[in-house]
């Protein structure tokens, strides 16, 4: 992750008026009923409060404020939050979205609605090709966020179709990467490195599989989806395990992404990587060398364990392995409601706001996995 102040992100638009309401009234719009209570095995409310507080902080962080009243949407904080937060609404007895969630979703929708007017976060002054990389990355993530909301609503909205139109317009159609997208590459794993574009494409396939109404098979869309499928198949073998797990996740609703042999091999490899405590560690799934040459973390973390459990839940198989992974997640929630993970790129103070970026992602994946288990 990176920006002019340590973090990279892509822009989403935010209503200036909406930000004013949020800043003046930093309280939750969603009301929790008296019956809402923590889970027997993990504290649902504490997890939700952690994610809400982190999204709220992100929206007010000065480096996240961009032109035309916009804010960044980050792979580590905003995207997991958007995918996870709606899943907790029913369980917590909430009547609607929280204030940070409303600002986040409104920003994405405005950004998509005025797509032709929006400037990419990075210009060519930052590096050759960075403008196009930023633009394409943003398009994919906007579509993933909106599709995840529509999947829960059971209705594909016009704004989500517009986001998907922007995605297809930027899809590569020729060459070795036909079917994929240009992606922000600042040599920072797991979200902004050479392999990150594949991960983004696989996450989009997950979102497409969950969309209501058979969108992926509509005329005009089918060809683009098939191109994406061929891209994922063509580059699968060369991917780090983290990326392969996204494909395993997507394969539950996209038959043909993996052969039976590939699935069995991946599950067997995942079993070998499972640690004695039942979890997994991200550094073993993405072997990229840490920039500061600091020792590789040996403990299990929430990003790797949450993703592994989620992929196994969606695709089936590895029941004993899955059970141990779920137990690890239930037993490793922090006192403030989060799960932890550390950067693959540099040593950061885990108590600082920037140092919590990986915890934000870890909490998102852990909660997705635990909620799926329900």
Protein backbone atom coordinates (compact mmCIF):
# COMPACT_ATOMS: atom_id res chain seq x y z
CA UNK A 1 0.00 0.00 0.00
CA UNK A 2 1.30 3.44 -0.86
CA UNK A 3 0.44 7.07 -1.54
CA UNK A 4 2.25 10.32 -1.24
CA UNK A 5 2.01 9.48 2.47
CA UNK A 6 2.78 5.75 2.66
CA UNK A 7 -0.44 4.34 1.29
CA UNK A 8 -1.64 3.64 -2.20
CA UNK A 9 -5.24 3.78 -3.14
CA UNK A 10 -7.57 4.59 -5.96
CA UNK A 11 -10.15 7.33 -5.88
CA UNK A 12 -13.83 7.12 -5.26
CA UNK A 13 -15.98 10.22 -5.22
CA UNK A 14 -17.60 11.53 -2.10
CA UNK A 15 -20.34 14.05 -1.80
CA UNK A 16 -19.06 17.19 -0.07
CA UNK A 17 -22.42 17.58 1.60
CA UNK A 18 -22.36 13.96 2.65
CA UNK A 19 -18.90 14.37 4.17
CA UNK A 20 -20.12 17.44 6.02
CA UNK A 21 -22.97 15.51 7.60
CA UNK A 22 -20.63 12.68 8.54
CA UNK A 23 -18.03 14.95 10.08
CA UNK A 24 -20.62 16.92 11.98
CA UNK A 25 -22.39 13.79 13.16
CA UNK A 26 -19.90 10.96 13.73
CA UNK A 27 -22.50 8.53 14.98
CA UNK A 28 -24.06 5.41 13.52
CA UNK A 29 -27.22 5.75 11.49
CA UNK A 30 -28.01 2.10 12.10
CA UNK A 31 -29.82 1.45 15.37
CA UNK A 32 -29.09 -1.79 17.20
CA UNK A 33 -31.99 -3.53 18.87
CA UNK A 34 -31.73 -4.60 22.52
CA UNK A 35 -31.60 -8.22 21.35
CA UNK A 36 -28.32 -7.77 19.51
CA UNK A 37 -25.61 -9.74 21.32
CA UNK A 38 -22.09 -11.03 20.65
CA UNK A 39 -21.63 -14.46 19.14
CA UNK A 40 -21.03 -17.38 21.47
CA UNK A 41 -17.62 -18.00 19.91
CA UNK A 42 -16.49 -14.55 18.82
CA UNK A 43 -17.57 -10.99 19.48
CA UNK A 44 -19.56 -9.86 16.45
CA UNK A 45 -20.33 -6.43 17.81
CA UNK A 46 -16.70 -5.73 18.69
CA UNK A 47 -15.64 -6.72 15.15
CA UNK A 48 -18.27 -4.40 13.64
CA UNK A 49 -17.22 -1.54 15.91
CA UNK A 50 -13.58 -2.01 14.96
CA UNK A 51 -14.35 -1.94 11.23
CA UNK A 52 -16.67 1.06 11.57
CA UNK A 53 -14.05 2.98 13.55
CA UNK A 54 -11.34 2.21 11.03
CA UNK A 55 -13.51 3.24 8.09
CA UNK A 56 -14.40 6.42 9.96
CA UNK A 57 -10.73 7.14 10.60
CA UNK A 58 -9.83 6.47 6.97
CA UNK A 59 -12.45 8.90 5.71
CA UNK A 60 -11.01 11.63 7.92
CA UNK A 61 -7.31 10.92 7.34
CA UNK A 62 -5.77 13.93 5.51
CA UNK A 63 -3.77 11.89 2.95
CA UNK A 64 -7.01 10.12 1.95
CA UNK A 65 -8.65 13.43 0.97
CA UNK A 66 -8.44 13.93 -2.79
CA UNK A 67 -9.60 16.35 -5.46
CA UNK A 68 -13.23 17.30 -6.03
CA UNK A 69 -14.23 16.28 -2.52
CA UNK A 70 -13.19 12.67 -3.01
CA UNK A 71 -11.51 10.13 -0.77
CA UNK A 72 -9.41 7.08 -1.48
CA UNK A 73 -10.77 3.57 -1.47
CA UNK A 74 -8.06 1.25 -0.22
CA UNK A 75 -7.56 -2.46 -0.81
CA UNK A 76 -6.65 -3.02 2.83
CA UNK A 77 -9.38 -1.03 4.62
CA UNK A 78 -12.24 0.07 2.37
CA UNK A 79 -12.73 -2.96 0.11
CA UNK A 80 -12.87 -5.53 2.96
CA UNK A 81 -15.17 -3.21 4.90
CA UNK A 82 -17.57 -2.92 1.95
CA UNK A 83 -17.63 -6.68 1.45
CA UNK A 84 -18.11 -7.50 5.14
CA UNK A 85 -20.16 -4.84 6.85
CA UNK A 86 -23.57 -5.66 5.30
CA UNK A 87 -23.22 -9.28 6.46
CA UNK A 88 -23.39 -8.19 10.09
CA UNK A 89 -26.50 -6.04 9.81
CA UNK A 90 -29.10 -8.73 10.51
CA UNK A 91 -27.12 -10.37 13.27
CA UNK A 92 -26.64 -7.07 15.10
CA UNK A 93 -30.29 -6.11 14.67
CA UNK A 94 -29.39 -2.94 12.76
CA UNK A 95 -32.09 -1.08 10.88
CA UNK A 96 -29.79 0.40 8.25
CA UNK A 97 -26.27 1.31 7.26
CA UNK A 98 -23.83 2.98 9.63
CA UNK A 99 -22.77 6.54 8.88
CA UNK A 100 -19.27 5.52 7.66
CA UNK A 101 -20.87 2.89 5.43
CA UNK A 102 -23.25 5.42 3.91
CA UNK A 103 -20.38 7.78 3.11
CA UNK A 104 -18.31 4.97 1.61
CA UNK A 105 -21.07 3.62 -0.60
CA UNK A 106 -22.27 7.08 -1.63
CA UNK A 107 -18.72 7.95 -2.64
CA UNK A 108 -18.34 4.89 -4.85
CA UNK A 109 -21.71 5.50 -6.49
CA UNK A 110 -20.93 9.12 -7.21
CA UNK A 111 -17.54 8.21 -8.59
CA UNK A 112 -19.10 5.66 -10.93
CA UNK A 113 -21.96 7.98 -11.86
CA UNK A 114 -19.51 10.69 -12.97
CA UNK A 115 -16.84 8.32 -14.24
CA UNK A 116 -15.89 10.31 -17.33
CA UNK A 117 -15.19 13.39 -15.18
CA UNK A 118 -13.01 11.66 -12.61
CA UNK A 119 -9.24 11.89 -12.76
CA UNK A 120 -7.11 8.87 -11.86
CA UNK A 121 -5.27 9.28 -8.58
CA UNK A 122 -1.85 8.82 -10.15
CA UNK A 123 -0.59 10.88 -13.08
CA UNK A 124 2.22 10.12 -15.48
CA UNK A 125 4.39 12.37 -13.29
CA UNK A 126 4.43 9.56 -10.73
CA UNK A 127 5.57 7.02 -13.31
CA UNK A 128 4.98 5.91 -16.87
CA UNK A 129 1.63 4.17 -17.19
CA UNK A 130 0.51 4.92 -13.63
CA UNK A 131 -2.53 6.89 -14.76
CA UNK A 132 -3.93 3.94 -16.71
CA UNK A 133 -2.98 1.46 -13.96
CA UNK A 134 -4.82 3.56 -11.38
CA UNK A 135 -7.87 4.02 -13.59
CA UNK A 136 -8.25 0.31 -14.33
CA UNK A 137 -7.63 -0.73 -10.71
CA UNK A 138 -10.27 1.70 -9.53
CA UNK A 139 -12.80 0.44 -12.07
CA UNK A 140 -12.42 -3.16 -10.91
CA UNK A 141 -12.65 -2.31 -7.21
CA UNK A 142 -15.67 -0.05 -7.67
CA UNK A 143 -17.45 -2.89 -9.46
CA UNK A 144 -16.51 -5.42 -6.75
CA UNK A 145 -17.89 -3.15 -4.02
CA UNK A 146 -21.17 -2.38 -5.77
CA UNK A 147 -21.67 -5.98 -6.90
CA UNK A 148 -21.21 -7.23 -3.35
CA UNK A 149 -24.04 -4.97 -2.17
CA UNK A 150 -26.32 -5.95 -5.04
CA UNK A 151 -25.69 -9.64 -4.38
CA UNK A 152 -27.10 -9.22 -0.87
CA UNK A 153 -30.02 -7.16 -2.14
CA UNK A 154 -30.81 -9.72 -4.83
CA UNK A 155 -31.10 -7.00 -7.47
CA UNK A 156 -28.61 -5.65 -10.00
CA UNK A 157 -28.92 -1.86 -10.01
CA UNK A 158 -28.22 0.49 -12.93
CA UNK A 159 -25.26 2.09 -11.10
CA UNK A 160 -23.63 -1.32 -10.75
CA UNK A 161 -24.16 -2.02 -14.45
CA UNK A 162 -22.45 1.27 -15.18
CA UNK A 163 -19.52 0.26 -12.98
CA UNK A 164 -19.27 -3.03 -14.85
CA UNK A 165 -19.44 -1.23 -18.19
CA UNK A 166 -16.39 0.78 -17.10
CA UNK A 167 -14.62 -2.45 -16.18
CA UNK A 168 -15.24 -4.10 -19.55
CA UNK A 169 -14.17 -0.96 -21.40
CA UNK A 170 -10.75 -1.21 -19.74
CA UNK A 171 -10.30 -4.97 -20.05
CA UNK A 172 -7.26 -6.04 -22.04
CA UNK A 173 -8.34 -7.80 -25.24
CA UNK A 174 -5.05 -8.78 -26.87
CA UNK A 175 -1.68 -10.14 -25.84
CA UNK A 176 -0.62 -12.37 -22.98
CA UNK A 177 -2.81 -10.51 -20.48
CA UNK A 178 -5.97 -10.57 -22.59
CA UNK A 179 -8.90 -10.83 -20.21
CA UNK A 180 -7.16 -9.04 -17.35
CA UNK A 181 -6.53 -5.41 -16.43
CA UNK A 182 -3.60 -3.11 -15.90
CA UNK A 183 -2.98 -2.80 -12.17
CA UNK A 184 -1.21 -0.45 -9.79
CA UNK A 185 2.27 -1.86 -9.25
CA UNK A 186 4.48 -0.27 -6.63
CA UNK A 187 6.21 -3.55 -5.78
CA UNK A 188 4.18 -3.88 -2.59
CA UNK A 189 2.54 -7.22 -1.95
CA UNK A 190 -0.10 -8.47 -1.78
CA UNK A 191 -2.25 -5.75 -3.39
CA UNK A 192 0.09 -3.56 -5.41
CA UNK A 193 2.71 -5.83 -6.92
CA UNK A 194 3.24 -7.60 -10.23
CA UNK A 195 0.88 -10.43 -9.25
CA UNK A 196 -1.86 -8.18 -7.86
CA UNK A 197 -3.70 -7.68 -11.14
CA UNK A 198 -4.44 -11.41 -11.24
CA UNK A 199 -5.82 -11.25 -7.72
CA UNK A 200 -8.05 -8.32 -8.65
CA UNK A 201 -9.35 -10.20 -11.68
CA UNK A 202 -10.10 -13.27 -9.56
CA UNK A 203 -11.93 -11.15 -6.99
CA UNK A 204 -14.04 -9.68 -9.78
CA UNK A 205 -14.91 -13.23 -10.87
CA UNK A 206 -16.07 -13.92 -7.31
CA UNK A 207 -18.30 -10.85 -7.47
CA UNK A 208 -19.69 -11.81 -10.89
CA UNK A 209 -20.58 -15.28 -9.64
CA UNK A 210 -22.55 -13.84 -6.75
CA UNK A 211 -24.50 -11.31 -8.83
CA UNK A 212 -28.25 -11.94 -9.15
CA UNK A 213 -30.04 -12.44 -12.43
CA UNK A 214 -27.38 -14.28 -14.40
CA UNK A 215 -25.55 -11.11 -15.41
CA UNK A 216 -22.35 -12.97 -16.35
CA UNK A 217 -24.23 -14.94 -19.02
CA UNK A 218 -26.04 -12.00 -20.62
CA UNK A 219 -25.32 -11.37 -24.33
CA UNK A 220 -22.45 -8.93 -24.60
CA UNK A 221 -21.25 -9.76 -21.11
CA UNK A 222 -20.73 -13.47 -21.73
CA UNK A 223 -17.85 -12.81 -24.13
CA UNK A 224 -16.09 -10.54 -21.63
CA UNK A 225 -16.60 -13.02 -18.80
CA UNK A 226 -15.23 -15.83 -20.95
CA UNK A 227 -12.18 -13.74 -21.75
CA UNK A 228 -11.67 -13.21 -18.02
CA UNK A 229 -12.09 -16.94 -17.37
CA UNK A 230 -9.43 -17.76 -19.99
CA UNK A 231 -7.07 -15.21 -18.44
CA UNK A 232 -7.46 -16.78 -14.99
CA UNK A 233 -6.95 -20.26 -16.40
CA UNK A 234 -3.92 -19.26 -18.49
CA UNK A 235 -1.99 -17.69 -15.60
CA UNK A 236 -3.17 -19.85 -12.71
CA UNK A 237 -0.13 -22.14 -12.41
CA UNK A 238 2.31 -19.23 -12.05
CA UNK A 239 0.42 -17.54 -9.20
CA UNK A 240 1.35 -17.45 -5.51
CA UNK A 241 -1.00 -19.48 -3.35
CA UNK A 242 -2.85 -16.40 -2.11
CA UNK A 243 -4.02 -15.66 -5.66
CA UNK A 244 -4.88 -19.30 -6.28
CA UNK A 245 -7.17 -19.23 -3.24
CA UNK A 246 -9.19 -16.44 -4.83
CA UNK A 247 -9.69 -18.70 -7.84
CA UNK A 248 -10.73 -21.56 -5.56
CA UNK A 249 -13.24 -19.18 -3.97
CA UNK A 250 -14.55 -18.06 -7.37
CA UNK A 251 -14.75 -21.62 -8.72
CA UNK A 252 -17.73 -22.41 -6.49
CA UNK A 253 -19.98 -20.44 -8.86
CA UNK A 254 -17.81 -20.41 -11.97
CA UNK A 255 -17.37 -24.02 -13.12
CA UNK A 256 -14.33 -24.70 -15.23
CA UNK A 257 -11.99 -22.28 -13.49
CA UNK A 258 -10.14 -25.23 -11.94
CA UNK A 259 -9.75 -28.81 -13.03
CA UNK A 260 -10.32 -31.56 -10.47
CA UNK A 261 -6.57 -32.18 -10.42
CA UNK A 262 -5.77 -28.51 -9.79
CA UNK A 263 -8.33 -28.35 -7.00
CA UNK A 264 -6.95 -31.44 -5.28
CA UNK A 265 -3.37 -30.20 -5.63
CA UNK A 266 -4.25 -26.79 -4.18
CA UNK A 267 -6.13 -28.26 -1.22
CA UNK A 268 -3.23 -30.65 -0.54
CA UNK A 269 -0.74 -27.75 -0.64
CA UNK A 270 -2.94 -25.73 1.66
CA UNK A 271 -3.02 -28.62 4.11
CA UNK A 272 0.78 -28.78 4.14
CA UNK A 273 0.96 -25.05 4.87
CA UNK A 274 -1.49 -25.19 7.77
CA UNK A 275 0.40 -24.47 10.97
CA UNK A 276 0.24 -26.44 14.18
CA UNK A 277 -2.17 -23.93 15.68
CA UNK A 278 -4.64 -24.44 12.82
CA UNK A 279 -3.99 -21.15 11.04
CA UNK A 280 -1.98 -20.00 8.04
CA UNK A 281 0.52 -17.20 7.53
CA UNK A 282 0.51 -14.77 4.63
CA UNK A 283 4.27 -14.82 4.18
CA UNK A 284 4.11 -18.51 3.22
CA UNK A 285 1.40 -17.80 0.62
CA UNK A 286 3.28 -14.93 -1.02
CA UNK A 287 7.01 -15.48 -1.03
CA UNK A 288 7.97 -11.94 -1.96
CA UNK A 289 11.11 -10.78 -0.12
CA UNK A 290 10.44 -8.18 2.59
CA UNK A 291 11.95 -4.83 1.64
CA UNK A 292 13.65 -4.19 4.97
CA UNK A 293 15.07 -7.74 5.27
CA UNK A 294 13.36 -8.13 8.63
CA UNK A 295 12.64 -11.68 9.82
CA UNK A 296 9.67 -13.38 8.23
CA UNK A 297 6.67 -13.57 10.59
CA UNK A 298 6.16 -17.16 11.70
CA UNK A 299 2.82 -16.81 13.44
CA UNK A 300 -0.54 -17.42 11.76
CA UNK A 301 -2.46 -14.31 10.73
CA UNK A 302 -6.02 -13.26 9.96
CA UNK A 303 -5.54 -12.47 6.25
CA UNK A 304 -4.14 -15.87 5.29
CA UNK A 305 -6.36 -17.86 7.65
CA UNK A 306 -9.53 -15.97 6.77
CA UNK A 307 -8.92 -16.33 3.03
CA UNK A 308 -8.02 -20.03 3.30
CA UNK A 309 -11.11 -20.81 5.36
CA UNK A 310 -13.37 -18.76 3.11
CA UNK A 311 -12.11 -20.47 -0.05
CA UNK A 312 -12.56 -23.92 1.51
CA UNK A 313 -16.06 -23.05 2.72
CA UNK A 314 -17.15 -21.85 -0.68
CA UNK A 315 -15.58 -24.65 -2.70
CA UNK A 316 -15.97 -27.59 -0.33
CA UNK A 317 -13.36 -30.10 0.78
CA UNK A 318 -10.77 -30.35 3.54
CA UNK A 319 -13.30 -30.63 6.35
CA UNK A 320 -10.84 -31.29 9.16
CA UNK A 321 -8.52 -28.58 7.88
CA UNK A 322 -11.47 -26.20 7.66
CA UNK A 323 -12.59 -27.00 11.20
CA UNK A 324 -9.13 -26.24 12.59
CA UNK A 325 -8.99 -22.99 10.64
CA UNK A 326 -12.34 -21.85 11.98
CA UNK A 327 -11.24 -22.68 15.51
CA UNK A 328 -8.14 -20.54 15.02
CA UNK A 329 -10.28 -17.61 13.88
CA UNK A 330 -12.64 -17.97 16.83
CA UNK A 331 -9.74 -18.02 19.27
CA UNK A 332 -7.62 -15.17 17.86
CA UNK A 333 -9.87 -12.12 17.88
CA UNK A 334 -8.12 -9.22 19.61
CA UNK A 335 -9.47 -7.25 22.54
CA UNK A 336 -10.52 -4.37 20.27
CA UNK A 337 -12.46 -6.73 17.99
CA UNK A 338 -9.88 -7.18 15.25
CA UNK A 339 -7.66 -9.94 13.86
CA UNK A 340 -4.01 -9.23 13.18
CA UNK A 341 -1.57 -9.51 10.28
CA UNK A 342 1.70 -7.81 9.40
CA UNK A 343 3.00 -6.13 6.28
CA UNK A 344 4.97 -8.17 3.76
CA UNK A 345 6.89 -5.06 2.76
CA UNK A 346 8.22 -3.28 5.83
CA UNK A 347 8.14 -3.24 9.59
CA UNK A 348 5.48 -0.90 10.96
CA UNK A 349 4.28 0.03 14.42
CA UNK A 350 1.20 -2.21 14.90
CA UNK A 351 -0.31 0.36 17.24
CA UNK A 352 -0.21 3.17 14.70
CA UNK A 353 -3.08 3.89 12.33
CA UNK A 354 -0.95 3.08 9.30
CA UNK A 355 0.34 -0.01 11.06
CA UNK A 356 -3.24 -1.27 11.41
CA UNK A 357 -3.86 -1.46 7.64
CA UNK A 358 -3.11 -5.18 7.54
CA UNK A 359 -5.30 -5.72 10.61
CA UNK A 360 -8.15 -4.08 8.71
CA UNK A 361 -7.82 -6.62 5.91
CA UNK A 362 -7.34 -9.48 8.37
CA UNK A 363 -10.53 -8.53 10.20
CA UNK A 364 -12.48 -8.34 6.97
CA UNK A 365 -11.45 -11.79 5.78
CA UNK A 366 -11.84 -13.35 9.22
CA UNK A 367 -15.38 -12.03 9.59
CA UNK A 368 -16.32 -13.10 6.05
CA UNK A 369 -15.14 -16.63 6.85
CA UNK A 370 -16.87 -16.79 10.23
CA UNK A 371 -20.12 -15.44 8.84
CA UNK A 372 -19.98 -17.92 5.96
CA UNK A 373 -19.64 -20.71 8.53
CA UNK A 374 -22.95 -19.63 10.06
